[in-house]
Amino acid sequence: MSKKKEKNTTKETQENLEDISVNTEENPEEAAAGSSEDSGEKEPQENAGEEKAAKDPKDEKIDELNDKYMRLMAEFENFRKRTDKEKEQMFETGAKSVIEKVLPVIDNFERALDMAAPEEESEKEADPFMDGMRKVYKQLMDELDKIGVKPIEAVGQEFNPEYHNAVMQVDSEEYDSGIVAQEMQKGYMYNDSVVRHSMVGVAK
């Protein structure tokens, strides 16, 4: 019985193979279509690879926004620096204007102190009024020095038109020619800029 079953199975297998070969010969177009479908499955895979290789639009948008952000930050930084510089210049201009108005008061202070009789060592008691004037003058000059206001050195210095304003030439045995020998009005600087030039006499 088993031998008969094996024979029947073999016959059925041969018949099925014959049917497949016949169908292939009768319908060559269908067989070609099947092969083209197989090849078509590979094309989308290749296109997908190309699409992955191309840049994602989202990434392009992110790069564009980052570029705009960096440009905006650079513009803001330049604006901040320019504004700070303008504020500093305005403050310096305003400070110089105030200092220019205070300088005549200092000049009068110094004239008053120079006109007062000098204290003699033999005097037992100093004039309390003049002593108070000197203290106030010293306090005023100390405060001006703290904010950057300093007198320009003149007598004994070589004449420099950037700091000195020569109003006359004087004979001097102490100083050589071109050296400031006399100061008629004290000059002042505020930080690195001249507020008022020194009015001087230069040795011949």
C-alpha atoms as a PDB file:
ATOM      1  CA  MET A   1       0.000   0.000   0.000  1.00  0.00           C
ATOM      2  CA  SER A   2       2.820   2.428   0.834  1.00  0.00           C
ATOM      3  CA  LYS A   3       4.461   1.865  -2.541  1.00  0.00           C
ATOM      4  CA  LYS A   4       1.216   2.744  -4.316  1.00  0.00           C
ATOM      5  CA  LYS A   5       0.897   5.983  -2.317  1.00  0.00           C
ATOM      6  CA  GLU A   6       4.472   6.997  -3.183  1.00  0.00           C
ATOM      7  CA  LYS A   7       3.776   6.379  -6.877  1.00  0.00           C
ATOM      8  CA  ASN A   8       0.596   8.462  -6.745  1.00  0.00           C
ATOM      9  CA  THR A   9       2.425  11.359  -5.026  1.00  0.00           C
ATOM     10  CA  THR A  10       5.186  11.312  -7.627  1.00  0.00           C
ATOM     11  CA  LYS A  11       2.636  11.440 -10.447  1.00  0.00           C
ATOM     12  CA  GLU A  12       0.836  14.387  -8.878  1.00  0.00           C
ATOM     13  CA  THR A  13       4.109  16.337  -8.466  1.00  0.00           C
ATOM     14  CA  GLN A  14       5.038  15.736 -12.119  1.00  0.00           C
ATOM     15  CA  GLU A  15       1.591  16.857 -13.263  1.00  0.00           C
ATOM     16  CA  ASN A  16       1.849  20.078 -11.240  1.00  0.00           C
ATOM     17  CA  LEU A  17       5.258  20.912 -12.726  1.00  0.00           C
ATOM     18  CA  GLU A  18       3.893  20.327 -16.222  1.00  0.00           C
ATOM     19  CA  ASP A  19       0.978  22.692 -15.505  1.00  0.00           C
ATOM     20  CA  ILE A  20       3.347  25.437 -14.308  1.00  0.00           C
ATOM     21  CA  SER A  21       5.549  25.151 -17.411  1.00  0.00           C
ATOM     22  CA  VAL A  22       2.490  25.212 -19.683  1.00  0.00           C
ATOM     23  CA  ASN A  23       1.122  28.343 -17.982  1.00  0.00           C
ATOM     24  CA  THR A  24       4.465  30.046 -18.389  1.00  0.00           C
ATOM     25  CA  GLU A  25       4.627  29.278 -22.100  1.00  0.00           C
ATOM     26  CA  GLU A  26       1.008  30.350 -22.656  1.00  0.00           C
ATOM     27  CA  ASN A  27       1.313  33.660 -20.658  1.00  0.00           C
ATOM     28  CA  PRO A  28       4.809  35.066 -21.212  1.00  0.00           C
ATOM     29  CA  GLU A  29       3.528  38.633 -20.530  1.00  0.00           C
ATOM     30  CA  GLU A  30       2.395  37.719 -17.027  1.00  0.00           C
ATOM     31  CA  ALA A  31       5.780  36.151 -16.292  1.00  0.00           C
ATOM     32  CA  ALA A  32       7.526  39.315 -17.506  1.00  0.00           C
ATOM     33  CA  ALA A  33       5.203  41.444 -15.399  1.00  0.00           C
ATOM     34  CA  GLY A  34       6.094  39.389 -12.392  1.00  0.00           C
ATOM     35  CA  SER A  35       9.793  39.906 -12.975  1.00  0.00           C
ATOM     36  CA  SER A  36       9.257  43.636 -13.525  1.00  0.00           C
ATOM     37  CA  GLU A  37       7.368  43.811 -10.252  1.00  0.00           C
ATOM     38  CA  ASP A  38      10.341  42.241  -8.523  1.00  0.00           C
ATOM     39  CA  SER A  39      12.694  44.783 -10.086  1.00  0.00           C
ATOM     40  CA  GLY A  40      10.233  47.571  -9.250  1.00  0.00           C
ATOM     41  CA  GLU A  41      10.523  46.732  -5.604  1.00  0.00           C
ATOM     42  CA  LYS A  42      14.226  47.665  -5.748  1.00  0.00           C
ATOM     43  CA  GLU A  43      13.648  51.096  -7.395  1.00  0.00           C
ATOM     44  CA  PRO A  44      11.677  52.616  -4.472  1.00  0.00           C
ATOM     45  CA  GLN A  45      14.420  51.466  -2.130  1.00  0.00           C
ATOM     46  CA  GLU A  46      17.008  53.287  -4.239  1.00  0.00           C
ATOM     47  CA  ASN A  47      14.813  56.439  -4.368  1.00  0.00           C
ATOM     48  CA  ALA A  48      14.368  56.285  -0.609  1.00  0.00           C
ATOM     49  CA  GLY A  49      18.131  56.286  -0.228  1.00  0.00           C
ATOM     50  CA  GLU A  50      18.406  59.362  -2.460  1.00  0.00           C
ATOM     51  CA  GLU A  51      15.715  61.149  -0.452  1.00  0.00           C
ATOM     52  CA  LYS A  52      17.602  60.387   2.763  1.00  0.00           C
ATOM     53  CA  ALA A  53      20.770  61.748   1.199  1.00  0.00           C
ATOM     54  CA  ALA A  54      18.961  65.033   0.365  1.00  0.00           C
ATOM     55  CA  LYS A  55      18.715  67.553   3.260  1.00  0.00           C
ATOM     56  CA  ASP A  56      15.556  67.473   5.302  1.00  0.00           C
ATOM     57  CA  PRO A  57      13.481  70.683   4.850  1.00  0.00           C
ATOM     58  CA  LYS A  58      13.133  70.878   8.619  1.00  0.00           C
ATOM     59  CA  ASP A  59      16.916  70.987   9.007  1.00  0.00           C
ATOM     60  CA  GLU A  60      17.126  73.715   6.365  1.00  0.00           C
ATOM     61  CA  LYS A  61      14.514  75.761   8.242  1.00  0.00           C
ATOM     62  CA  ILE A  62      16.402  75.305  11.524  1.00  0.00           C
ATOM     63  CA  ASP A  63      19.657  76.462   9.891  1.00  0.00           C
ATOM     64  CA  GLU A  64      17.886  79.484   8.438  1.00  0.00           C
ATOM     65  CA  LEU A  65      16.425  80.457  11.810  1.00  0.00           C
ATOM     66  CA  ASN A  66      19.792  79.964  13.536  1.00  0.00           C
ATOM     67  CA  ASP A  67      21.436  82.223  10.967  1.00  0.00           C
ATOM     68  CA  LYS A  68      18.797  84.935  11.527  1.00  0.00           C
ATOM     69  CA  TYR A  69      19.239  84.609  15.291  1.00  0.00           C
ATOM     70  CA  MET A  70      23.019  84.984  15.089  1.00  0.00           C
ATOM     71  CA  ARG A  71      22.695  88.043  12.827  1.00  0.00           C
ATOM     72  CA  LEU A  72      20.169  89.604  15.202  1.00  0.00           C
ATOM     73  CA  MET A  73      22.424  89.022  18.208  1.00  0.00           C
ATOM     74  CA  ALA A  74      25.389  90.568  16.368  1.00  0.00           C
ATOM     75  CA  GLU A  75      23.324  93.635  15.446  1.00  0.00           C
ATOM     76  CA  PHE A  76      22.112  93.992  19.036  1.00  0.00           C
ATOM     77  CA  GLU A  77      25.675  93.752  20.388  1.00  0.00           C
ATOM     78  CA  ASN A  78      26.837  96.463  17.976  1.00  0.00           C
ATOM     79  CA  PHE A  79      23.867  98.631  18.996  1.00  0.00           C
ATOM     80  CA  ARG A  80      24.668  98.146  22.690  1.00  0.00           C
ATOM     81  CA  LYS A  81      28.322  99.104  22.213  1.00  0.00           C
ATOM     82  CA  ARG A  82      27.385 102.140  20.150  1.00  0.00           C
ATOM     83  CA  THR A  83      24.826 103.247  22.746  1.00  0.00           C
ATOM     84  CA  ASP A  84      27.291 102.802  25.621  1.00  0.00           C
ATOM     85  CA  LYS A  85      29.879 104.863  23.761  1.00  0.00           C
ATOM     86  CA  GLU A  86      27.350 107.631  23.078  1.00  0.00           C
ATOM     87  CA  LYS A  87      26.297 107.660  26.729  1.00  0.00           C
ATOM     88  CA  GLU A  88      29.922 107.868  27.840  1.00  0.00           C
ATOM     89  CA  GLN A  89      30.565 110.757  25.463  1.00  0.00           C
ATOM     90  CA  MET A  90      27.438 112.580  26.650  1.00  0.00           C
ATOM     91  CA  PHE A  91      28.421 112.082  30.286  1.00  0.00           C
ATOM     92  CA  GLU A  92      31.963 113.297  29.648  1.00  0.00           C
ATOM     93  CA  THR A  93      30.673 116.357  27.786  1.00  0.00           C
ATOM     94  CA  GLY A  94      28.268 117.166  30.619  1.00  0.00           C
ATOM     95  CA  ALA A  95      30.950 116.643  33.263  1.00  0.00           C
ATOM     96  CA  LYS A  96      33.401 118.898  31.434  1.00  0.00           C
ATOM     97  CA  SER A  97      30.743 121.593  31.183  1.00  0.00           C
ATOM     98  CA  VAL A  98      30.168 121.492  34.957  1.00  0.00           C
ATOM     99  CA  ILE A  99      33.914 121.488  35.680  1.00  0.00           C
ATOM    100  CA  GLU A 100      34.433 124.531  33.450  1.00  0.00           C
ATOM    101  CA  LYS A 101      31.882 126.439  35.554  1.00  0.00           C
ATOM    102  CA  VAL A 102      33.551 125.364  38.820  1.00  0.00           C
ATOM    103  CA  LEU A 103      37.088 126.380  37.792  1.00  0.00           C
ATOM    104  CA  PRO A 104      36.543 130.157  38.212  1.00  0.00           C
ATOM    105  CA  VAL A 105      35.386 129.470  41.783  1.00  0.00           C
ATOM    106  CA  ILE A 106      38.631 127.575  42.414  1.00  0.00           C
ATOM    107  CA  ASP A 107      40.605 130.464  40.918  1.00  0.00           C
ATOM    108  CA  ASN A 108      38.968 132.920  43.314  1.00  0.00           C
ATOM    109  CA  PHE A 109      39.609 130.549  46.202  1.00  0.00           C
ATOM    110  CA  GLU A 110      43.315 130.435  45.371  1.00  0.00           C
ATOM    111  CA  ARG A 111      43.538 134.227  44.948  1.00  0.00           C
ATOM    112  CA  ALA A 112      41.935 134.744  48.352  1.00  0.00           C
ATOM    113  CA  LEU A 113      44.378 132.326  49.987  1.00  0.00           C
ATOM    114  CA  ASP A 114      47.349 133.963  48.252  1.00  0.00           C
ATOM    115  CA  MET A 115      46.276 137.450  49.373  1.00  0.00           C
ATOM    116  CA  ALA A 116      45.915 136.398  53.006  1.00  0.00           C
ATOM    117  CA  ALA A 117      48.924 137.147  55.179  1.00  0.00           C
ATOM    118  CA  PRO A 118      51.031 133.997  55.666  1.00  0.00           C
ATOM    119  CA  GLU A 119      51.031 132.541  59.123  1.00  0.00           C
ATOM    120  CA  GLU A 120      54.152 133.257  61.071  1.00  0.00           C
ATOM    121  CA  GLU A 121      55.717 130.532  63.130  1.00  0.00           C
ATOM    122  CA  SER A 122      55.991 132.934  66.075  1.00  0.00           C
ATOM    123  CA  GLU A 123      52.195 133.374  66.196  1.00  0.00           C
ATOM    124  CA  LYS A 124      50.675 131.405  69.002  1.00  0.00           C
ATOM    125  CA  GLU A 125      47.247 131.068  67.409  1.00  0.00           C
ATOM    126  CA  ALA A 126      46.450 130.787  63.702  1.00  0.00           C
ATOM    127  CA  ASP A 127      43.544 132.665  62.164  1.00  0.00           C
ATOM    128  CA  PRO A 128      40.623 130.234  62.469  1.00  0.00           C
ATOM    129  CA  PHE A 129      38.882 131.748  59.455  1.00  0.00           C
ATOM    130  CA  MET A 130      41.854 131.277  57.128  1.00  0.00           C
ATOM    131  CA  ASP A 131      42.464 127.835  58.570  1.00  0.00           C
ATOM    132  CA  GLY A 132      38.891 126.898  57.714  1.00  0.00           C
ATOM    133  CA  MET A 133      39.281 128.321  54.175  1.00  0.00           C
ATOM    134  CA  ARG A 134      42.347 126.188  53.585  1.00  0.00           C
ATOM    135  CA  LYS A 135      40.561 123.080  54.788  1.00  0.00           C
ATOM    136  CA  VAL A 136      37.570 123.729  52.549  1.00  0.00           C
ATOM    137  CA  TYR A 137      39.875 124.358  49.574  1.00  0.00           C
ATOM    138  CA  LYS A 138      41.779 121.128  50.251  1.00  0.00           C
ATOM    139  CA  GLN A 139      38.533 119.164  50.536  1.00  0.00           C
ATOM    140  CA  LEU A 140      37.280 120.609  47.229  1.00  0.00           C
ATOM    141  CA  MET A 141      40.491 119.713  45.394  1.00  0.00           C
ATOM    142  CA  ASP A 142      40.499 116.200  46.871  1.00  0.00           C
ATOM    143  CA  GLU A 143      36.962 115.560  45.630  1.00  0.00           C
ATOM    144  CA  LEU A 144      37.816 116.862  42.161  1.00  0.00           C
ATOM    145  CA  ASP A 145      40.857 114.605  42.101  1.00  0.00           C
ATOM    146  CA  LYS A 146      38.664 111.585  42.899  1.00  0.00           C
ATOM    147  CA  ILE A 147      36.487 112.154  39.827  1.00  0.00           C
ATOM    148  CA  GLY A 148      39.521 112.627  37.561  1.00  0.00           C
ATOM    149  CA  VAL A 149      40.035 116.404  37.598  1.00  0.00           C
ATOM    150  CA  LYS A 150      43.729 117.232  37.940  1.00  0.00           C
ATOM    151  CA  PRO A 151      45.765 120.440  37.459  1.00  0.00           C
ATOM    152  CA  ILE A 152      48.155 120.555  34.520  1.00  0.00           C
ATOM    153  CA  GLU A 153      51.833 120.799  35.424  1.00  0.00           C
ATOM    154  CA  ALA A 154      53.248 123.933  33.921  1.00  0.00           C
ATOM    155  CA  VAL A 155      56.199 125.723  35.582  1.00  0.00           C
ATOM    156  CA  GLY A 156      59.453 123.917  34.825  1.00  0.00           C
ATOM    157  CA  GLN A 157      57.881 121.840  32.031  1.00  0.00           C
ATOM    158  CA  GLU A 158      58.722 122.112  28.362  1.00  0.00           C
ATOM    159  CA  PHE A 159      56.141 124.179  26.541  1.00  0.00           C
ATOM    160  CA  ASN A 160      53.481 121.935  24.995  1.00  0.00           C
ATOM    161  CA  PRO A 161      50.691 123.575  22.974  1.00  0.00           C
ATOM    162  CA  GLU A 162      48.408 120.663  23.780  1.00  0.00           C
ATOM    163  CA  TYR A 163      48.396 121.695  27.455  1.00  0.00           C
ATOM    164  CA  HIS A 164      49.801 125.228  27.603  1.00  0.00           C
ATOM    165  CA  ASN A 165      48.612 128.528  26.209  1.00  0.00           C
ATOM    166  CA  ALA A 166      51.586 130.888  25.894  1.00  0.00           C
ATOM    167  CA  VAL A 167      50.599 134.529  26.332  1.00  0.00           C
ATOM    168  CA  MET A 168      54.083 136.020  26.574  1.00  0.00           C
ATOM    169  CA  GLN A 169      57.804 135.362  26.665  1.00  0.00           C
ATOM    170  CA  VAL A 170      59.785 136.182  29.781  1.00  0.00           C
ATOM    171  CA  ASP A 171      63.446 136.544  30.673  1.00  0.00           C
ATOM    172  CA  SER A 172      64.526 133.794  33.033  1.00  0.00           C
ATOM    173  CA  GLU A 173      67.837 132.904  34.576  1.00  0.00           C
ATOM    174  CA  GLU A 174      66.386 129.751  36.106  1.00  0.00           C
ATOM    175  CA  TYR A 175      64.869 128.114  33.028  1.00  0.00           C
ATOM    176  CA  ASP A 176      66.185 127.508  29.528  1.00  0.00           C
ATOM    177  CA  SER A 177      64.482 128.745  26.390  1.00  0.00           C
ATOM    178  CA  GLY A 178      61.206 126.976  25.628  1.00  0.00           C
ATOM    179  CA  ILE A 179      60.540 126.071  29.266  1.00  0.00           C
ATOM    180  CA  VAL A 180      57.467 127.390  31.060  1.00  0.00           C
ATOM    181  CA  ALA A 181      58.778 129.943  33.559  1.00  0.00           C
ATOM    182  CA  GLN A 182      55.533 131.478  34.796  1.00  0.00           C
ATOM    183  CA  GLU A 183      51.909 130.441  35.223  1.00  0.00           C
ATOM    184  CA  MET A 184      49.202 133.103  35.184  1.00  0.00           C
ATOM    185  CA  GLN A 185      46.216 130.784  35.241  1.00  0.00           C
ATOM    186  CA  LYS A 186      46.183 127.109  36.197  1.00  0.00           C
ATOM    187  CA  GLY A 187      44.985 124.592  33.625  1.00  0.00           C
ATOM    188  CA  TYR A 188      43.016 121.438  34.337  1.00  0.00           C
ATOM    189  CA  MET A 189      42.375 118.055  32.789  1.00  0.00           C
ATOM    190  CA  TYR A 190      39.402 115.734  33.128  1.00  0.00           C
ATOM    191  CA  ASN A 191      40.650 112.168  32.734  1.00  0.00           C
ATOM    192  CA  ASP A 192      42.594 112.319  29.447  1.00  0.00           C
ATOM    193  CA  SER A 193      41.050 115.478  27.961  1.00  0.00           C
ATOM    194  CA  VAL A 194      41.982 119.105  28.562  1.00  0.00           C
ATOM    195  CA  VAL A 195      39.242 121.177  30.214  1.00  0.00           C
ATOM    196  CA  ARG A 196      41.258 124.392  30.283  1.00  0.00           C
ATOM    197  CA  HIS A 197      44.767 125.113  29.020  1.00  0.00           C
ATOM    198  CA  SER A 198      47.321 126.637  31.369  1.00  0.00           C
ATOM    199  CA  MET A 199      47.971 130.315  30.688  1.00  0.00           C
ATOM    200  CA  VAL A 200      51.740 130.578  30.848  1.00  0.00           C
ATOM    201  CA  GLY A 201      54.826 132.664  30.137  1.00  0.00           C
ATOM    202  CA  VAL A 202      57.645 130.877  28.326  1.00  0.00           C
ATOM    203  CA  ALA A 203      61.317 131.573  28.865  1.00  0.00           C
ATOM    204  CA  LYS A 204      63.080 133.237  25.925  1.00  0.00           C
END
